[in-house]
C-alpha atoms as a PDB file:
ATOM      1  CA  MET A   1       0.000   0.000   0.000  1.00  0.00           C
ATOM      2  CA  PRO A   2       1.408   3.440  -0.930  1.00  0.00           C
ATOM      3  CA  GLN A   3       2.461   5.673   1.923  1.00  0.00           C
ATOM      4  CA  PRO A   4      -0.182   8.390   2.591  1.00  0.00           C
ATOM      5  CA  ILE A   5       0.706  12.059   2.561  1.00  0.00           C
ATOM      6  CA  SER A   6      -0.610  12.308   6.134  1.00  0.00           C
ATOM      7  CA  ASP A   7       2.632  10.559   7.192  1.00  0.00           C
ATOM      8  CA  MET A   8       4.677  13.425   5.772  1.00  0.00           C
ATOM      9  CA  MET A   9       2.507  16.521   6.248  1.00  0.00           C
ATOM     10  CA  THR A  10       3.034  19.196   8.844  1.00  0.00           C
ATOM     11  CA  LYS A  11       0.009  18.873  11.088  1.00  0.00           C
ATOM     12  CA  VAL A  12       0.073  22.286  12.761  1.00  0.00           C
ATOM     13  CA  VAL A  13      -1.038  24.779  10.128  1.00  0.00           C
ATOM     14  CA  ARG A  14      -1.254  28.500  10.735  1.00  0.00           C
ATOM     15  CA  SER A  15      -3.510  30.490   8.435  1.00  0.00           C
ATOM     16  CA  VAL A  16      -4.328  34.116   7.754  1.00  0.00           C
ATOM     17  CA  GLY A  17      -7.610  35.820   6.994  1.00  0.00           C
ATOM     18  CA  MET A  18      -8.564  37.196   3.601  1.00  0.00           C
ATOM     19  CA  ASP A  19      -8.642  40.740   4.936  1.00  0.00           C
ATOM     20  CA  ASP A  20      -5.348  40.541   6.835  1.00  0.00           C
ATOM     21  CA  THR A  21      -2.744  42.984   5.572  1.00  0.00           C
ATOM     22  CA  ILE A  22       0.376  41.750   3.848  1.00  0.00           C
ATOM     23  CA  GLU A  23       2.279  43.203   6.782  1.00  0.00           C
ATOM     24  CA  LYS A  24       0.411  40.820   9.088  1.00  0.00           C
ATOM     25  CA  VAL A  25       0.949  37.884   6.689  1.00  0.00           C
ATOM     26  CA  GLU A  26       4.662  38.627   6.576  1.00  0.00           C
ATOM     27  CA  ASN A  27       4.837  38.797  10.378  1.00  0.00           C
ATOM     28  CA  GLU A  28       3.054  35.439  10.604  1.00  0.00           C
ATOM     29  CA  LEU A  29       5.544  33.850   8.211  1.00  0.00           C
ATOM     30  CA  LYS A  30       8.545  35.312  10.043  1.00  0.00           C
ATOM     31  CA  SER A  31       7.428  34.700  13.612  1.00  0.00           C
ATOM     32  CA  HIS A  32       6.564  31.047  12.997  1.00  0.00           C
ATOM     33  CA  LYS A  33       9.383  30.370  10.488  1.00  0.00           C
ATOM     34  CA  LEU A  34       6.932  29.344   7.772  1.00  0.00           C
ATOM     35  CA  SER A  35       7.353  29.266   4.016  1.00  0.00           C
ATOM     36  CA  SER A  36       3.626  29.617   3.299  1.00  0.00           C
ATOM     37  CA  VAL A  37       0.233  30.166   4.887  1.00  0.00           C
ATOM     38  CA  PRO A  38      -3.249  29.317   3.675  1.00  0.00           C
ATOM     39  CA  VAL A  39      -5.614  32.260   3.261  1.00  0.00           C
ATOM     40  CA  VAL A  40      -9.096  31.524   4.633  1.00  0.00           C
ATOM     41  CA  ASP A  41     -12.417  33.344   4.748  1.00  0.00           C
ATOM     42  CA  SER A  42     -14.309  34.178   7.951  1.00  0.00           C
ATOM     43  CA  LYS A  43     -15.802  30.661   8.017  1.00  0.00           C
ATOM     44  CA  GLY A  44     -12.425  28.959   7.616  1.00  0.00           C
ATOM     45  CA  ASN A  45     -12.961  28.049   3.964  1.00  0.00           C
ATOM     46  CA  ILE A  46      -9.783  27.925   1.888  1.00  0.00           C
ATOM     47  CA  PHE A  47      -9.444  30.893  -0.430  1.00  0.00           C
ATOM     48  CA  GLY A  48      -5.784  30.760  -1.418  1.00  0.00           C
ATOM     49  CA  ILE A  49      -2.195  30.517  -0.271  1.00  0.00           C
ATOM     50  CA  ILE A  50       0.671  32.979   0.151  1.00  0.00           C
ATOM     51  CA  SER A  51       4.286  31.845   0.097  1.00  0.00           C
ATOM     52  CA  SER A  52       7.584  33.502   0.938  1.00  0.00           C
ATOM     53  CA  PRO A  53       8.424  34.010  -2.766  1.00  0.00           C
ATOM     54  CA  ASP A  54       5.092  35.850  -3.129  1.00  0.00           C
ATOM     55  CA  ILE A  55       6.212  38.226  -0.373  1.00  0.00           C
ATOM     56  CA  VAL A  56       9.564  38.788  -2.097  1.00  0.00           C
ATOM     57  CA  LEU A  57       7.798  39.648  -5.378  1.00  0.00           C
ATOM     58  CA  PHE A  58       5.416  41.915  -3.478  1.00  0.00           C
ATOM     59  CA  HIS A  59       8.315  43.907  -2.018  1.00  0.00           C
ATOM     60  CA  ALA A  60      10.077  44.018  -5.389  1.00  0.00           C
ATOM     61  CA  ALA A  61       6.965  45.779  -6.742  1.00  0.00           C
ATOM     62  CA  ARG A  62       7.348  48.331  -3.914  1.00  0.00           C
ATOM     63  CA  LYS A  63       3.757  48.073  -2.748  1.00  0.00           C
ATOM     64  CA  ASN A  64       2.598  49.174   0.686  1.00  0.00           C
ATOM     65  CA  PRO A  65       2.290  46.089   2.972  1.00  0.00           C
ATOM     66  CA  LYS A  66      -0.183  47.958   5.189  1.00  0.00           C
ATOM     67  CA  ALA A  67      -2.521  48.742   2.301  1.00  0.00           C
ATOM     68  CA  VAL A  68      -2.789  45.401   0.473  1.00  0.00           C
ATOM     69  CA  ARG A  69      -4.924  42.525   1.768  1.00  0.00           C
ATOM     70  CA  ALA A  70      -4.148  38.809   1.614  1.00  0.00           C
ATOM     71  CA  TRP A  71      -7.035  38.089  -0.784  1.00  0.00           C
ATOM     72  CA  ASP A  72      -5.547  40.538  -3.269  1.00  0.00           C
ATOM     73  CA  MET A  73      -2.211  38.774  -3.731  1.00  0.00           C
ATOM     74  CA  CYS A  74      -2.697  35.136  -2.797  1.00  0.00           C
ATOM     75  CA  THR A  75      -2.594  32.278  -5.255  1.00  0.00           C
ATOM     76  CA  TYR A  76      -6.247  31.324  -5.642  1.00  0.00           C
ATOM     77  CA  LYS A  77      -7.469  27.745  -5.437  1.00  0.00           C
ATOM     78  CA  PRO A  78      -4.302  26.074  -4.130  1.00  0.00           C
ATOM     79  CA  ILE A  79      -3.739  22.384  -4.791  1.00  0.00           C
ATOM     80  CA  GLN A  80      -5.585  20.325  -2.183  1.00  0.00           C
ATOM     81  CA  VAL A  81      -5.408  16.613  -1.468  1.00  0.00           C
ATOM     82  CA  GLY A  82      -6.979  14.300   1.071  1.00  0.00           C
ATOM     83  CA  PRO A  83      -4.913  12.742   3.879  1.00  0.00           C
ATOM     84  CA  ASP A  84      -4.983   9.345   2.147  1.00  0.00           C
ATOM     85  CA  ALA A  85      -3.463  10.641  -1.121  1.00  0.00           C
ATOM     86  CA  SER A  86      -0.214   8.828  -1.809  1.00  0.00           C
ATOM     87  CA  ILE A  87       3.064  10.651  -1.374  1.00  0.00           C
ATOM     88  CA  ASP A  88       3.929   9.758  -4.981  1.00  0.00           C
ATOM     89  CA  GLU A  89       0.704  11.285  -6.318  1.00  0.00           C
ATOM     90  CA  VAL A  90       1.227  14.503  -4.347  1.00  0.00           C
ATOM     91  CA  ALA A  91       4.788  14.757  -5.676  1.00  0.00           C
ATOM     92  CA  ARG A  92       3.464  14.316  -9.228  1.00  0.00           C
ATOM     93  CA  GLN A  93       0.877  17.062  -8.696  1.00  0.00           C
ATOM     94  CA  MET A  94       3.499  19.433  -7.322  1.00  0.00           C
ATOM     95  CA  VAL A  95       5.713  18.872 -10.362  1.00  0.00           C
ATOM     96  CA  THR A  96       2.832  19.031 -12.850  1.00  0.00           C
ATOM     97  CA  HIS A  97       1.441  22.263 -11.400  1.00  0.00           C
ATOM     98  CA  ARG A  98       4.877  23.674 -10.555  1.00  0.00           C
ATOM     99  CA  VAL A  99       3.997  24.439  -6.921  1.00  0.00           C
ATOM    100  CA  HIS A 100       5.991  24.097  -3.731  1.00  0.00           C
ATOM    101  CA  HIS A 101       3.102  23.724  -1.277  1.00  0.00           C
ATOM    102  CA  VAL A 102       0.036  21.491  -1.154  1.00  0.00           C
ATOM    103  CA  LEU A 103      -2.757  21.717   1.386  1.00  0.00           C
ATOM    104  CA  VAL A 104      -4.049  18.525   2.956  1.00  0.00           C
ATOM    105  CA  THR A 105      -7.757  18.882   3.615  1.00  0.00           C
ATOM    106  CA  GLU A 106     -10.568  16.851   5.088  1.00  0.00           C
ATOM    107  CA  HIS A 107     -14.229  17.884   4.970  1.00  0.00           C
ATOM    108  CA  GLY A 108     -13.193  21.314   3.656  1.00  0.00           C
ATOM    109  CA  SER A 109     -10.778  22.064   6.502  1.00  0.00           C
ATOM    110  CA  VAL A 110      -7.000  22.275   6.337  1.00  0.00           C
ATOM    111  CA  ILE A 111      -5.489  19.492   8.438  1.00  0.00           C
ATOM    112  CA  GLY A 112      -1.952  19.688   7.109  1.00  0.00           C
ATOM    113  CA  ILE A 113       0.447  21.153   4.612  1.00  0.00           C
ATOM    114  CA  VAL A 114       3.282  19.653   2.592  1.00  0.00           C
ATOM    115  CA  SER A 115       6.152  21.580   1.058  1.00  0.00           C
ATOM    116  CA  SER A 116       8.828  20.616  -1.421  1.00  0.00           C
ATOM    117  CA  LEU A 117      11.273  20.831   1.474  1.00  0.00           C
ATOM    118  CA  ASP A 118       9.341  18.028   3.208  1.00  0.00           C
ATOM    119  CA  PHE A 119      10.124  15.814   0.204  1.00  0.00           C
ATOM    120  CA  VAL A 120      13.820  16.720   0.372  1.00  0.00           C
ATOM    121  CA  GLN A 121      13.911  15.907   4.082  1.00  0.00           C
ATOM    122  CA  ALA A 122      12.177  12.557   3.472  1.00  0.00           C
ATOM    123  CA  PHE A 123      14.669  11.769   0.725  1.00  0.00           C
ATOM    124  CA  LEU A 124      17.592  12.512   3.049  1.00  0.00           C
ATOM    125  CA  ARG A 125      16.096  10.390   5.863  1.00  0.00           C
ATOM    126  CA  ARG A 126      15.643   7.486   3.463  1.00  0.00           C
ATOM    127  CA  GLY A 127      19.318   7.641   2.484  1.00  0.00           C
ATOM    128  CA  THR A 128      20.587   7.321   6.052  1.00  0.00           C
END
């Protein structure tokens, strides 16, 4: 039986609200040493995702981080998989869609997140 992504995912997921400023998003990423955060609406429904490279591009455009909201710059409709999706299938989706983060969801709620770095770490563990 293929190994499920739930074995690899990070189970504690911090999120930001759609109306949070980019300044707040950036502080969330920095203070928790995250590379991405899901963007959710007031009911906790997934709206998008913001990653560290998004923040870098935002600053390169010299926009005001206090004036722009998360909904305005997030990647809409991030890739989502169930906890039983195989690790191989998630890796294929990440490569196909050229993304570095995938949300693991169950019944519409985020229960985990997987990054490309998680795959690198798993690869290194397997080699030792």
